[in-house]
Amino acid sequence: MVGTVRFDVCLSDGSFHSIELLPVSILSFDFFQSELLCLFHEFDRVEYEDEDGDRIVVKSDEHLKILLHELQPIRIWLIKDERSLSDLPLIMPHELENLQVISNGQFGTVYKSLLISRDLIVAVKCVHFRDDADHREDLLKELHVLGKCCRSEYIVELIGAMVNGNTLSIVLEYMDCGAVAAYIPLPPNVLPGICMSILEGVSFLASVNIMHRDLKPENCVADSSGHVKLTDFGVSKLMEGSVANSIVGTSAYMAPERIHGGEYKIESEIWSMGITFLEMATGYHPFLRPGEESLTGIHGILQRILQTDCEIDPSITKQYGVDFVDMALKWYHFLSDLLFHLQ
């Protein structure tokens, strides 16, 4: 194909694939990793060999530029790390004292608990294993996603985990104010800082080859010190409520191309952020006016997303400076541009 860049891709299972990417797919590291994720679905990092035969991890736009100077076809390795509970900080049953139930769903229970060994209040998510290897692998994968994110002050920290019988307990940082969704609409002097925290969290996830995929006000949590962090990327889908509630909660924040079954890319993530920011400003979903919840339903929301423009009240734009949100909904492509604009 004329104008494409050729790659030889080696996977952790030993398989080998030749692919060609369009120039737009290598404009940035975000685009590059999103394209690879769509093609190969799961990996933890991208590597290539330099002229000395040393493996180099590609994790930024600068690394990508160096990689693209290699002779074509460019050989890369997509590495998927082995996962096991032994890789995680282990908590013993006697170290936890459950204080109260925070929520109780079909797939498990979330407790406010005391981690006795550290005299620390924590959140403990208890998930029941099903008798299949795929379910266990899904849970381990999400734990390792959380583990990779502990370096960010904008992501809820994974403190540890334990298995007791057929129950996996995930010990997380406790955010005492709960979900931001409980406080919307947010005052004009509060919203920009919360938007910045969410955007910083999404940017960090992108830097470690992760997309949240379920951005919404319920998955942004706060503490009484004013910190706002992202939570529930993946594990929540295995734990919360019924399938119907899960679909409603997630689909209402999907970008149009995702509703059509298209690939999930960074643009889709930014769309979900824009919808989330607008809802935090106004108190309601931008494609669902107050009082319409029982009349419209999820199918009505999806039809509006596909068929209508998002109308932003001029008074909201003036009060909050929501031109930032407008740009996100109009397919801003680079997280760095959004960060610069908000700052």
C-alpha atoms as a PDB file:
ATOM      1  CA  MET A   1       0.000   0.000   0.000  1.00  0.00           C
ATOM      2  CA  VAL A   2       1.504   3.319  -1.079  1.00  0.00           C
ATOM      3  CA  GLY A   3       2.499   5.671   1.735  1.00  0.00           C
ATOM      4  CA  THR A   4       2.146   3.128   4.510  1.00  0.00           C
ATOM      5  CA  VAL A   5       4.760   2.097   7.064  1.00  0.00           C
ATOM      6  CA  ARG A   6       5.497  -1.628   7.333  1.00  0.00           C
ATOM      7  CA  PHE A   7       6.014  -3.393  10.662  1.00  0.00           C
ATOM      8  CA  ASP A   8       6.914  -6.958  11.583  1.00  0.00           C
ATOM      9  CA  VAL A   9       5.160  -7.628  14.893  1.00  0.00           C
ATOM     10  CA  CYS A  10       6.302 -10.386  17.287  1.00  0.00           C
ATOM     11  CA  LEU A  11       3.852 -11.378  20.034  1.00  0.00           C
ATOM     12  CA  SER A  12       4.548 -12.936  23.428  1.00  0.00           C
ATOM     13  CA  ASP A  13       3.077 -16.263  22.291  1.00  0.00           C
ATOM     14  CA  GLY A  14       5.765 -16.508  19.596  1.00  0.00           C
ATOM     15  CA  SER A  15       3.507 -15.675  16.654  1.00  0.00           C
ATOM     16  CA  PHE A  16       4.642 -13.247  13.961  1.00  0.00           C
ATOM     17  CA  HIS A  17       2.559 -10.755  11.954  1.00  0.00           C
ATOM     18  CA  SER A  18       3.296  -8.304   9.137  1.00  0.00           C
ATOM     19  CA  ILE A  19       1.172  -5.140   9.133  1.00  0.00           C
ATOM     20  CA  GLU A  20       1.039  -1.824   7.310  1.00  0.00           C
ATOM     21  CA  LEU A  21      -0.044   1.361   9.079  1.00  0.00           C
ATOM     22  CA  LEU A  22      -1.205   4.598   7.505  1.00  0.00           C
ATOM     23  CA  PRO A  23       0.800   7.755   8.309  1.00  0.00           C
ATOM     24  CA  VAL A  24      -2.034   9.076  10.504  1.00  0.00           C
ATOM     25  CA  SER A  25      -1.589   6.037  12.780  1.00  0.00           C
ATOM     26  CA  ILE A  26       1.988   7.028  13.620  1.00  0.00           C
ATOM     27  CA  LEU A  27       1.482  10.760  14.144  1.00  0.00           C
ATOM     28  CA  SER A  28       1.793  10.265  17.896  1.00  0.00           C
ATOM     29  CA  PHE A  29       2.450   7.520  20.419  1.00  0.00           C
ATOM     30  CA  ASP A  30      -1.233   7.696  21.475  1.00  0.00           C
ATOM     31  CA  PHE A  31      -2.342   6.959  17.909  1.00  0.00           C
ATOM     32  CA  PHE A  32       0.297   4.257  17.447  1.00  0.00           C
ATOM     33  CA  GLN A  33      -0.576   2.284  20.577  1.00  0.00           C
ATOM     34  CA  SER A  34      -4.317   2.681  19.944  1.00  0.00           C
ATOM     35  CA  GLU A  35      -3.893   1.175  16.469  1.00  0.00           C
ATOM     36  CA  LEU A  36      -1.860  -1.714  17.872  1.00  0.00           C
ATOM     37  CA  LEU A  37      -4.436  -2.319  20.616  1.00  0.00           C
ATOM     38  CA  CYS A  38      -7.184  -2.526  18.019  1.00  0.00           C
ATOM     39  CA  LEU A  39      -5.185  -5.059  16.003  1.00  0.00           C
ATOM     40  CA  PHE A  40      -3.730  -7.201  18.806  1.00  0.00           C
ATOM     41  CA  HIS A  41      -6.015  -6.371  21.781  1.00  0.00           C
ATOM     42  CA  GLU A  42      -3.725  -7.097  24.740  1.00  0.00           C
ATOM     43  CA  PHE A  43      -0.108  -6.242  25.495  1.00  0.00           C
ATOM     44  CA  ASP A  44       1.752  -4.405  28.227  1.00  0.00           C
ATOM     45  CA  ARG A  45       4.485  -2.651  26.269  1.00  0.00           C
ATOM     46  CA  VAL A  46       6.042  -2.116  22.838  1.00  0.00           C
ATOM     47  CA  GLU A  47       9.746  -2.870  22.326  1.00  0.00           C
ATOM     48  CA  TYR A  48      12.259  -2.754  19.472  1.00  0.00           C
ATOM     49  CA  GLU A  49      15.957  -3.603  19.131  1.00  0.00           C
ATOM     50  CA  ASP A  50      18.504  -0.832  18.663  1.00  0.00           C
ATOM     51  CA  GLU A  51      21.679  -1.200  16.589  1.00  0.00           C
ATOM     52  CA  ASP A  52      23.467  -2.794  19.564  1.00  0.00           C
ATOM     53  CA  GLY A  53      20.786  -5.465  19.920  1.00  0.00           C
ATOM     54  CA  ASP A  54      19.372  -4.002  23.140  1.00  0.00           C
ATOM     55  CA  ARG A  55      15.610  -3.996  23.657  1.00  0.00           C
ATOM     56  CA  ILE A  56      14.174  -0.473  23.949  1.00  0.00           C
ATOM     57  CA  VAL A  57      10.667   0.249  25.288  1.00  0.00           C
ATOM     58  CA  VAL A  58       8.601   2.665  23.184  1.00  0.00           C
ATOM     59  CA  LYS A  59       6.584   4.890  25.539  1.00  0.00           C
ATOM     60  CA  SER A  60       6.544   8.449  24.170  1.00  0.00           C
ATOM     61  CA  ASP A  61       6.356  10.483  20.969  1.00  0.00           C
ATOM     62  CA  GLU A  62      10.137  10.899  21.100  1.00  0.00           C
ATOM     63  CA  HIS A  63      10.697   7.136  21.312  1.00  0.00           C
ATOM     64  CA  LEU A  64       8.317   6.658  18.383  1.00  0.00           C
ATOM     65  CA  LYS A  65      10.273   9.118  16.227  1.00  0.00           C
ATOM     66  CA  ILE A  66      13.479   7.174  16.904  1.00  0.00           C
ATOM     67  CA  LEU A  67      11.734   3.891  16.079  1.00  0.00           C
ATOM     68  CA  LEU A  68      10.453   5.231  12.754  1.00  0.00           C
ATOM     69  CA  HIS A  69      14.016   5.919  11.589  1.00  0.00           C
ATOM     70  CA  GLU A  70      14.634   2.148  11.498  1.00  0.00           C
ATOM     71  CA  LEU A  71      14.720   0.427   8.099  1.00  0.00           C
ATOM     72  CA  GLN A  72      11.405  -1.039   6.987  1.00  0.00           C
ATOM     73  CA  PRO A  73       9.898  -3.412   7.783  1.00  0.00           C
ATOM     74  CA  ILE A  74      10.352  -2.180  11.350  1.00  0.00           C
ATOM     75  CA  ARG A  75      10.447  -5.090  13.789  1.00  0.00           C
ATOM     76  CA  ILE A  76       8.658  -4.573  17.106  1.00  0.00           C
ATOM     77  CA  TRP A  77       7.733  -6.835  20.015  1.00  0.00           C
ATOM     78  CA  LEU A  78       4.406  -6.580  21.855  1.00  0.00           C
ATOM     79  CA  ILE A  79       5.125  -7.915  25.319  1.00  0.00           C
ATOM     80  CA  LYS A  80       2.406  -9.322  27.565  1.00  0.00           C
ATOM     81  CA  ASP A  81       3.652  -9.895  31.102  1.00  0.00           C
ATOM     82  CA  GLU A  82       2.708 -13.063  32.962  1.00  0.00           C
ATOM     83  CA  ARG A  83       0.170 -12.350  35.664  1.00  0.00           C
ATOM     84  CA  SER A  84      -0.322 -13.971  39.042  1.00  0.00           C
ATOM     85  CA  LEU A  85      -1.445 -12.904  42.483  1.00  0.00           C
ATOM     86  CA  SER A  86       2.079 -13.474  43.783  1.00  0.00           C
ATOM     87  CA  ASP A  87       3.153 -10.370  41.844  1.00  0.00           C
ATOM     88  CA  LEU A  88       0.819  -8.189  43.926  1.00  0.00           C
ATOM     89  CA  PRO A  89       1.093  -6.948  47.523  1.00  0.00           C
ATOM     90  CA  LEU A  90      -0.662  -9.698  49.500  1.00  0.00           C
ATOM     91  CA  ILE A  91      -3.019  -8.955  52.390  1.00  0.00           C
ATOM     92  CA  MET A  92      -3.840 -11.607  55.010  1.00  0.00           C
ATOM     93  CA  PRO A  93      -7.455 -12.074  56.227  1.00  0.00           C
ATOM     94  CA  HIS A  94      -6.589 -11.184  59.824  1.00  0.00           C
ATOM     95  CA  GLU A  95      -5.269  -7.798  58.642  1.00  0.00           C
ATOM     96  CA  LEU A  96      -8.730  -6.560  57.595  1.00  0.00           C
ATOM     97  CA  GLU A  97     -11.719  -5.535  59.700  1.00  0.00           C
ATOM     98  CA  ASN A  98     -14.863  -4.702  57.694  1.00  0.00           C
ATOM     99  CA  LEU A  99     -16.590  -1.628  59.127  1.00  0.00           C
ATOM    100  CA  GLN A 100     -19.585  -1.118  56.852  1.00  0.00           C
ATOM    101  CA  VAL A 101     -21.000  -2.031  53.448  1.00  0.00           C
ATOM    102  CA  ILE A 102     -20.547   0.705  50.843  1.00  0.00           C
ATOM    103  CA  SER A 103     -22.381  -1.092  48.034  1.00  0.00           C
ATOM    104  CA  ASN A 104     -23.720  -4.548  47.297  1.00  0.00           C
ATOM    105  CA  GLY A 105     -24.170  -5.829  43.735  1.00  0.00           C
ATOM    106  CA  GLN A 106     -24.764  -9.012  41.792  1.00  0.00           C
ATOM    107  CA  PHE A 107     -21.075  -9.869  41.534  1.00  0.00           C
ATOM    108  CA  GLY A 108     -19.801  -8.843  44.949  1.00  0.00           C
ATOM    109  CA  THR A 109     -19.679  -6.355  47.794  1.00  0.00           C
ATOM    110  CA  VAL A 110     -17.637  -3.236  48.516  1.00  0.00           C
ATOM    111  CA  TYR A 111     -16.707  -2.554  52.146  1.00  0.00           C
ATOM    112  CA  LYS A 112     -15.230   0.311  54.071  1.00  0.00           C
ATOM    113  CA  SER A 113     -12.599  -1.529  56.100  1.00  0.00           C
ATOM    114  CA  LEU A 114      -9.697  -1.043  58.475  1.00  0.00           C
ATOM    115  CA  LEU A 115      -6.302  -2.355  57.364  1.00  0.00           C
ATOM    116  CA  ILE A 116      -5.151  -3.157  60.890  1.00  0.00           C
ATOM    117  CA  SER A 117      -1.452  -3.598  60.128  1.00  0.00           C
ATOM    118  CA  ARG A 118      -1.252  -0.017  58.823  1.00  0.00           C
ATOM    119  CA  ASP A 119      -4.083   1.570  60.842  1.00  0.00           C
ATOM    120  CA  LEU A 120      -5.509   2.713  57.508  1.00  0.00           C
ATOM    121  CA  ILE A 121      -9.099   3.024  56.277  1.00  0.00           C
ATOM    122  CA  VAL A 122      -9.425   1.284  52.898  1.00  0.00           C
ATOM    123  CA  ALA A 123     -12.072   0.195  50.396  1.00  0.00           C
ATOM    124  CA  VAL A 124     -12.279  -3.578  49.875  1.00  0.00           C
ATOM    125  CA  LYS A 125     -13.980  -4.984  46.777  1.00  0.00           C
ATOM    126  CA  CYS A 126     -14.891  -8.638  47.214  1.00  0.00           C
ATOM    127  CA  VAL A 127     -15.439 -10.469  43.921  1.00  0.00           C
ATOM    128  CA  HIS A 128     -16.580 -14.081  43.683  1.00  0.00           C
ATOM    129  CA  PHE A 129     -14.577 -16.266  41.315  1.00  0.00           C
ATOM    130  CA  ARG A 130     -16.517 -18.194  38.730  1.00  0.00           C
ATOM    131  CA  ASP A 131     -15.306 -21.685  37.864  1.00  0.00           C
ATOM    132  CA  ASP A 132     -13.595 -20.728  34.637  1.00  0.00           C
ATOM    133  CA  ALA A 133     -10.059 -19.670  33.779  1.00  0.00           C
ATOM    134  CA  ASP A 134     -11.167 -16.691  31.662  1.00  0.00           C
ATOM    135  CA  HIS A 135     -12.905 -15.015  34.600  1.00  0.00           C
ATOM    136  CA  ARG A 136      -9.838 -15.434  36.801  1.00  0.00           C
ATOM    137  CA  GLU A 137      -7.618 -14.073  34.015  1.00  0.00           C
ATOM    138  CA  ASP A 138      -9.913 -11.051  33.591  1.00  0.00           C
ATOM    139  CA  LEU A 139      -9.676 -10.257  37.296  1.00  0.00           C
ATOM    140  CA  LEU A 140      -5.898 -10.662  37.366  1.00  0.00           C
ATOM    141  CA  LYS A 141      -5.580  -8.473  34.290  1.00  0.00           C
ATOM    142  CA  GLU A 142      -7.538  -5.659  35.926  1.00  0.00           C
ATOM    143  CA  LEU A 143      -5.504  -5.985  39.117  1.00  0.00           C
ATOM    144  CA  HIS A 144      -2.316  -5.598  37.135  1.00  0.00           C
ATOM    145  CA  VAL A 145      -3.762  -2.603  35.320  1.00  0.00           C
ATOM    146  CA  LEU A 146      -4.345  -1.013  38.723  1.00  0.00           C
ATOM    147  CA  GLY A 147      -0.850  -2.011  39.812  1.00  0.00           C
ATOM    148  CA  LYS A 148       0.688  -0.246  36.815  1.00  0.00           C
ATOM    149  CA  CYS A 149      -1.142   2.945  37.761  1.00  0.00           C
ATOM    150  CA  CYS A 150       0.052   3.322  41.347  1.00  0.00           C
ATOM    151  CA  ARG A 151       2.601   5.927  40.290  1.00  0.00           C
ATOM    152  CA  SER A 152      -0.140   8.452  39.477  1.00  0.00           C
ATOM    153  CA  GLU A 153      -1.748  10.718  42.049  1.00  0.00           C
ATOM    154  CA  TYR A 154      -4.830  10.829  39.803  1.00  0.00           C
ATOM    155  CA  ILE A 155      -5.601   7.082  39.931  1.00  0.00           C
ATOM    156  CA  VAL A 156      -7.031   5.258  42.961  1.00  0.00           C
ATOM    157  CA  GLU A 157      -4.185   3.236  44.483  1.00  0.00           C
ATOM    158  CA  LEU A 158      -4.176  -0.553  44.630  1.00  0.00           C
ATOM    159  CA  ILE A 159      -2.935  -1.387  48.135  1.00  0.00           C
ATOM    160  CA  GLY A 160      -3.089  -5.168  47.921  1.00  0.00           C
ATOM    161  CA  ALA A 161      -5.179  -8.264  47.293  1.00  0.00           C
ATOM    162  CA  MET A 162      -6.010 -11.615  48.835  1.00  0.00           C
ATOM    163  CA  VAL A 163      -7.878 -14.812  47.963  1.00  0.00           C
ATOM    164  CA  ASN A 164     -10.035 -16.468  50.613  1.00  0.00           C
ATOM    165  CA  GLY A 165     -11.841 -19.532  49.246  1.00  0.00           C
ATOM    166  CA  ASN A 166     -13.570 -18.484  46.033  1.00  0.00           C
ATOM    167  CA  THR A 167     -13.497 -14.778  46.886  1.00  0.00           C
ATOM    168  CA  LEU A 168     -10.924 -12.281  45.644  1.00  0.00           C
ATOM    169  CA  SER A 169     -10.596  -9.196  47.858  1.00  0.00           C
ATOM    170  CA  ILE A 170      -9.118  -6.115  46.207  1.00  0.00           C
ATOM    171  CA  VAL A 171      -7.845  -3.568  48.730  1.00  0.00           C
ATOM    172  CA  LEU A 172      -7.957  -0.001  47.403  1.00  0.00           C
ATOM    173  CA  GLU A 173      -7.354   3.528  48.575  1.00  0.00           C
ATOM    174  CA  TYR A 174     -10.486   4.838  50.325  1.00  0.00           C
ATOM    175  CA  MET A 175     -11.925   8.068  48.913  1.00  0.00           C
ATOM    176  CA  ASP A 176     -14.170   9.305  51.698  1.00  0.00           C
ATOM    177  CA  CYS A 177     -16.370  11.633  49.618  1.00  0.00           C
ATOM    178  CA  GLY A 178     -17.353   8.986  47.101  1.00  0.00           C
ATOM    179  CA  ALA A 179     -18.296   9.565  43.477  1.00  0.00           C
ATOM    180  CA  VAL A 180     -18.291  13.063  41.997  1.00  0.00           C
ATOM    181  CA  ALA A 181     -21.702  12.178  40.517  1.00  0.00           C
ATOM    182  CA  ALA A 182     -23.243  12.750  43.961  1.00  0.00           C
ATOM    183  CA  TYR A 183     -22.295  16.448  43.922  1.00  0.00           C
ATOM    184  CA  ILE A 184     -23.251  17.599  40.424  1.00  0.00           C
ATOM    185  CA  PRO A 185     -23.806  20.216  39.155  1.00  0.00           C
ATOM    186  CA  LEU A 186     -20.449  21.493  40.351  1.00  0.00           C
ATOM    187  CA  PRO A 187     -19.796  25.168  41.162  1.00  0.00           C
ATOM    188  CA  PRO A 188     -17.815  27.176  38.565  1.00  0.00           C
ATOM    189  CA  ASN A 189     -14.850  27.532  40.929  1.00  0.00           C
ATOM    190  CA  VAL A 190     -14.651  23.749  41.477  1.00  0.00           C
ATOM    191  CA  LEU A 191     -15.227  22.265  38.021  1.00  0.00           C
ATOM    192  CA  PRO A 192     -11.939  23.281  36.293  1.00  0.00           C
ATOM    193  CA  GLY A 193      -9.770  21.624  38.946  1.00  0.00           C
ATOM    194  CA  ILE A 194     -11.771  18.404  38.785  1.00  0.00           C
ATOM    195  CA  CYS A 195     -11.613  18.404  34.974  1.00  0.00           C
ATOM    196  CA  MET A 196      -7.842  18.833  35.179  1.00  0.00           C
ATOM    197  CA  SER A 197      -7.502  15.897  37.598  1.00  0.00           C
ATOM    198  CA  ILE A 198      -9.556  13.634  35.329  1.00  0.00           C
ATOM    199  CA  LEU A 199      -7.575  14.697  32.281  1.00  0.00           C
ATOM    200  CA  GLU A 200      -4.275  14.119  34.088  1.00  0.00           C
ATOM    201  CA  GLY A 201      -5.483  10.644  35.034  1.00  0.00           C
ATOM    202  CA  VAL A 202      -6.467   9.783  31.462  1.00  0.00           C
ATOM    203  CA  SER A 203      -3.150  11.151  30.177  1.00  0.00           C
ATOM    204  CA  PHE A 204      -1.230   8.985  32.627  1.00  0.00           C
ATOM    205  CA  LEU A 205      -3.193   5.897  31.605  1.00  0.00           C
ATOM    206  CA  ALA A 206      -2.376   6.601  27.961  1.00  0.00           C
ATOM    207  CA  SER A 207       1.309   6.901  28.842  1.00  0.00           C
ATOM    208  CA  VAL A 208       1.295   3.331  30.210  1.00  0.00           C
ATOM    209  CA  ASN A 209      -0.663   1.891  27.292  1.00  0.00           C
ATOM    210  CA  ILE A 210      -4.084   1.847  28.989  1.00  0.00           C
ATOM    211  CA  MET A 211      -7.436   3.383  28.114  1.00  0.00           C
ATOM    212  CA  HIS A 212     -10.079   3.708  30.816  1.00  0.00           C
ATOM    213  CA  ARG A 213     -13.020   2.797  28.503  1.00  0.00           C
ATOM    214  CA  ASP A 214     -15.683   3.668  31.090  1.00  0.00           C
ATOM    215  CA  LEU A 215     -15.331   7.371  31.872  1.00  0.00           C
ATOM    216  CA  LYS A 216     -18.380   8.857  33.609  1.00  0.00           C
ATOM    217  CA  PRO A 217     -19.047  10.895  36.789  1.00  0.00           C
ATOM    218  CA  GLU A 218     -19.652   7.705  38.812  1.00  0.00           C
ATOM    219  CA  ASN A 219     -16.083   6.571  38.113  1.00  0.00           C
ATOM    220  CA  CYS A 220     -14.461   9.800  39.323  1.00  0.00           C
ATOM    221  CA  VAL A 221     -14.099   9.770  43.117  1.00  0.00           C
ATOM    222  CA  ALA A 222     -13.093  12.444  45.616  1.00  0.00           C
ATOM    223  CA  ASP A 223     -11.738  12.755  49.133  1.00  0.00           C
ATOM    224  CA  SER A 224     -12.173  15.449  51.776  1.00  0.00           C
ATOM    225  CA  SER A 225      -8.747  16.905  50.948  1.00  0.00           C
ATOM    226  CA  GLY A 226     -10.002  17.886  47.496  1.00  0.00           C
ATOM    227  CA  HIS A 227      -8.289  15.157  45.478  1.00  0.00           C
ATOM    228  CA  VAL A 228     -10.178  13.621  42.552  1.00  0.00           C
ATOM    229  CA  LYS A 229      -9.091  10.287  41.060  1.00  0.00           C
ATOM    230  CA  LEU A 230     -10.206   7.758  38.463  1.00  0.00           C
ATOM    231  CA  THR A 231     -11.431   4.338  39.498  1.00  0.00           C
ATOM    232  CA  ASP A 232     -13.276   1.284  38.174  1.00  0.00           C
ATOM    233  CA  PHE A 233     -11.673   0.692  34.804  1.00  0.00           C
ATOM    234  CA  GLY A 234     -12.585  -2.920  34.199  1.00  0.00           C
ATOM    235  CA  VAL A 235     -13.133  -4.474  37.619  1.00  0.00           C
ATOM    236  CA  SER A 236     -16.437  -2.588  37.974  1.00  0.00           C
ATOM    237  CA  LYS A 237     -17.851  -4.343  34.913  1.00  0.00           C
ATOM    238  CA  LEU A 238     -17.419  -7.662  36.728  1.00  0.00           C
ATOM    239  CA  MET A 239     -18.899  -6.388  39.959  1.00  0.00           C
ATOM    240  CA  GLU A 240     -21.669  -3.843  39.547  1.00  0.00           C
ATOM    241  CA  GLY A 241     -25.369  -4.473  39.360  1.00  0.00           C
ATOM    242  CA  SER A 242     -27.236  -6.116  36.550  1.00  0.00           C
ATOM    243  CA  VAL A 243     -26.244  -6.332  32.918  1.00  0.00           C
ATOM    244  CA  ALA A 244     -28.954  -3.803  32.012  1.00  0.00           C
ATOM    245  CA  ASN A 245     -27.656  -1.229  34.489  1.00  0.00           C
ATOM    246  CA  SER A 246     -24.101  -1.807  33.287  1.00  0.00           C
ATOM    247  CA  ILE A 247     -25.150  -1.206  29.682  1.00  0.00           C
ATOM    248  CA  VAL A 248     -27.050   1.979  30.546  1.00  0.00           C
ATOM    249  CA  GLY A 249     -24.226   3.357  32.648  1.00  0.00           C
ATOM    250  CA  THR A 250     -21.583   2.772  30.009  1.00  0.00           C
ATOM    251  CA  SER A 251     -23.328   3.188  26.651  1.00  0.00           C
ATOM    252  CA  ALA A 252     -24.638   6.674  27.417  1.00  0.00           C
ATOM    253  CA  TYR A 253     -21.039   7.944  27.373  1.00  0.00           C
ATOM    254  CA  MET A 254     -19.963   6.126  24.200  1.00  0.00           C
ATOM    255  CA  ALA A 255     -18.666   8.045  21.203  1.00  0.00           C
ATOM    256  CA  PRO A 256     -20.745   7.663  18.000  1.00  0.00           C
ATOM    257  CA  GLU A 257     -18.247   5.351  16.301  1.00  0.00           C
ATOM    258  CA  ARG A 258     -18.330   3.020  19.303  1.00  0.00           C
ATOM    259  CA  ILE A 259     -22.135   2.814  19.148  1.00  0.00           C
ATOM    260  CA  HIS A 260     -21.710   1.682  15.539  1.00  0.00           C
ATOM    261  CA  GLY A 261     -19.307  -1.031  16.742  1.00  0.00           C
ATOM    262  CA  GLY A 262     -16.146   0.733  15.587  1.00  0.00           C
ATOM    263  CA  GLU A 263     -12.718   0.644  17.165  1.00  0.00           C
ATOM    264  CA  TYR A 264     -12.047   2.207  20.562  1.00  0.00           C
ATOM    265  CA  LYS A 265      -9.362   4.861  20.168  1.00  0.00           C
ATOM    266  CA  ILE A 266      -8.165   7.868  22.127  1.00  0.00           C
ATOM    267  CA  GLU A 267     -10.801  10.044  20.385  1.00  0.00           C
ATOM    268  CA  SER A 268     -13.481   7.845  21.964  1.00  0.00           C
ATOM    269  CA  GLU A 269     -11.927   8.418  25.370  1.00  0.00           C
ATOM    270  CA  ILE A 270     -11.921  12.182  24.822  1.00  0.00           C
ATOM    271  CA  TRP A 271     -15.575  12.125  23.735  1.00  0.00           C
ATOM    272  CA  SER A 272     -16.505  10.372  26.999  1.00  0.00           C
ATOM    273  CA  MET A 273     -14.553  13.011  28.933  1.00  0.00           C
ATOM    274  CA  GLY A 274     -16.457  15.792  27.159  1.00  0.00           C
ATOM    275  CA  ILE A 275     -19.815  14.226  28.014  1.00  0.00           C
ATOM    276  CA  THR A 276     -18.659  13.726  31.609  1.00  0.00           C
ATOM    277  CA  PHE A 277     -17.478  17.338  31.977  1.00  0.00           C
ATOM    278  CA  LEU A 278     -20.755  18.688  30.567  1.00  0.00           C
ATOM    279  CA  GLU A 279     -22.795  16.545  32.938  1.00  0.00           C
ATOM    280  CA  MET A 280     -20.708  17.757  35.878  1.00  0.00           C
ATOM    281  CA  ALA A 281     -21.362  21.366  34.800  1.00  0.00           C
ATOM    282  CA  THR A 282     -25.100  21.102  34.173  1.00  0.00           C
ATOM    283  CA  GLY A 283     -26.205  18.262  36.425  1.00  0.00           C
ATOM    284  CA  TYR A 284     -27.652  16.175  33.595  1.00  0.00           C
ATOM    285  CA  HIS A 285     -26.468  14.151  30.608  1.00  0.00           C
ATOM    286  CA  PRO A 286     -26.205  16.505  27.586  1.00  0.00           C
ATOM    287  CA  PHE A 287     -28.309  14.161  25.435  1.00  0.00           C
ATOM    288  CA  LEU A 288     -30.919  13.589  28.158  1.00  0.00           C
ATOM    289  CA  ARG A 289     -32.802  16.506  29.699  1.00  0.00           C
ATOM    290  CA  PRO A 290     -34.032  16.400  33.329  1.00  0.00           C
ATOM    291  CA  GLY A 291     -37.237  14.400  33.736  1.00  0.00           C
ATOM    292  CA  GLU A 292     -36.760  12.388  30.547  1.00  0.00           C
ATOM    293  CA  GLU A 293     -35.021   9.390  32.108  1.00  0.00           C
ATOM    294  CA  SER A 294     -38.060   7.104  32.204  1.00  0.00           C
ATOM    295  CA  LEU A 295     -39.364   8.296  28.829  1.00  0.00           C
ATOM    296  CA  THR A 296     -36.221   8.064  26.738  1.00  0.00           C
ATOM    297  CA  GLY A 297     -34.229   5.098  28.015  1.00  0.00           C
ATOM    298  CA  ILE A 298     -30.847   4.015  26.752  1.00  0.00           C
ATOM    299  CA  HIS A 299     -32.022   3.491  23.165  1.00  0.00           C
ATOM    300  CA  GLY A 300     -33.325   7.052  23.016  1.00  0.00           C
ATOM    301  CA  ILE A 301     -30.002   8.415  24.278  1.00  0.00           C
ATOM    302  CA  LEU A 302     -28.040   6.413  21.708  1.00  0.00           C
ATOM    303  CA  GLN A 303     -30.303   7.651  18.899  1.00  0.00           C
ATOM    304  CA  ARG A 304     -29.750  11.254  19.979  1.00  0.00           C
ATOM    305  CA  ILE A 305     -25.976  10.796  20.122  1.00  0.00           C
ATOM    306  CA  LEU A 306     -26.018   9.428  16.573  1.00  0.00           C
ATOM    307  CA  GLN A 307     -28.559  11.809  15.050  1.00  0.00           C
ATOM    308  CA  THR A 308     -28.297  15.176  16.825  1.00  0.00           C
ATOM    309  CA  ASP A 309     -25.669  17.703  17.819  1.00  0.00           C
ATOM    310  CA  CYS A 310     -24.823  18.306  21.442  1.00  0.00           C
ATOM    311  CA  GLU A 311     -26.408  21.646  22.346  1.00  0.00           C
ATOM    312  CA  ILE A 312     -24.532  23.632  24.988  1.00  0.00           C
ATOM    313  CA  ASP A 313     -26.489  26.322  26.810  1.00  0.00           C
ATOM    314  CA  PRO A 314     -24.743  29.690  26.137  1.00  0.00           C
ATOM    315  CA  SER A 315     -25.061  30.603  29.821  1.00  0.00           C
ATOM    316  CA  ILE A 316     -23.157  27.432  30.752  1.00  0.00           C
ATOM    317  CA  THR A 317     -20.449  28.262  28.221  1.00  0.00           C
ATOM    318  CA  LYS A 318     -20.084  31.748  29.707  1.00  0.00           C
ATOM    319  CA  GLN A 319     -20.178  30.591  33.320  1.00  0.00           C
ATOM    320  CA  TYR A 320     -17.812  27.632  33.045  1.00  0.00           C
ATOM    321  CA  GLY A 321     -15.690  28.290  29.981  1.00  0.00           C
ATOM    322  CA  VAL A 322     -17.125  25.129  28.426  1.00  0.00           C
ATOM    323  CA  ASP A 323     -15.562  25.829  25.043  1.00  0.00           C
ATOM    324  CA  PHE A 324     -13.059  23.240  26.325  1.00  0.00           C
ATOM    325  CA  VAL A 325     -15.822  20.639  26.511  1.00  0.00           C
ATOM    326  CA  ASP A 326     -17.117  21.694  23.096  1.00  0.00           C
ATOM    327  CA  MET A 327     -13.696  21.019  21.609  1.00  0.00           C
ATOM    328  CA  ALA A 328     -13.540  17.604  23.253  1.00  0.00           C
ATOM    329  CA  LEU A 329     -16.911  16.666  21.749  1.00  0.00           C
ATOM    330  CA  LYS A 330     -15.703  17.816  18.334  1.00  0.00           C
ATOM    331  CA  TRP A 331     -12.960  15.199  18.254  1.00  0.00           C
ATOM    332  CA  TYR A 332      -9.903  16.826  19.732  1.00  0.00           C
ATOM    333  CA  HIS A 333      -7.193  14.270  18.959  1.00  0.00           C
ATOM    334  CA  PHE A 334      -4.373  14.980  21.396  1.00  0.00           C
ATOM    335  CA  LEU A 335      -4.541  14.811  25.182  1.00  0.00           C
ATOM    336  CA  SER A 336      -1.566  17.170  25.376  1.00  0.00           C
ATOM    337  CA  ASP A 337      -3.564  19.861  23.528  1.00  0.00           C
ATOM    338  CA  LEU A 338      -6.445  19.496  25.955  1.00  0.00           C
ATOM    339  CA  LEU A 339      -4.134  19.775  28.955  1.00  0.00           C
ATOM    340  CA  PHE A 340      -2.523  22.888  27.498  1.00  0.00           C
ATOM    341  CA  HIS A 341      -5.907  24.488  26.814  1.00  0.00           C
ATOM    342  CA  LEU A 342      -7.265  23.833  30.307  1.00  0.00           C
ATOM    343  CA  GLN A 343      -4.116  25.129  31.983  1.00  0.00           C
END
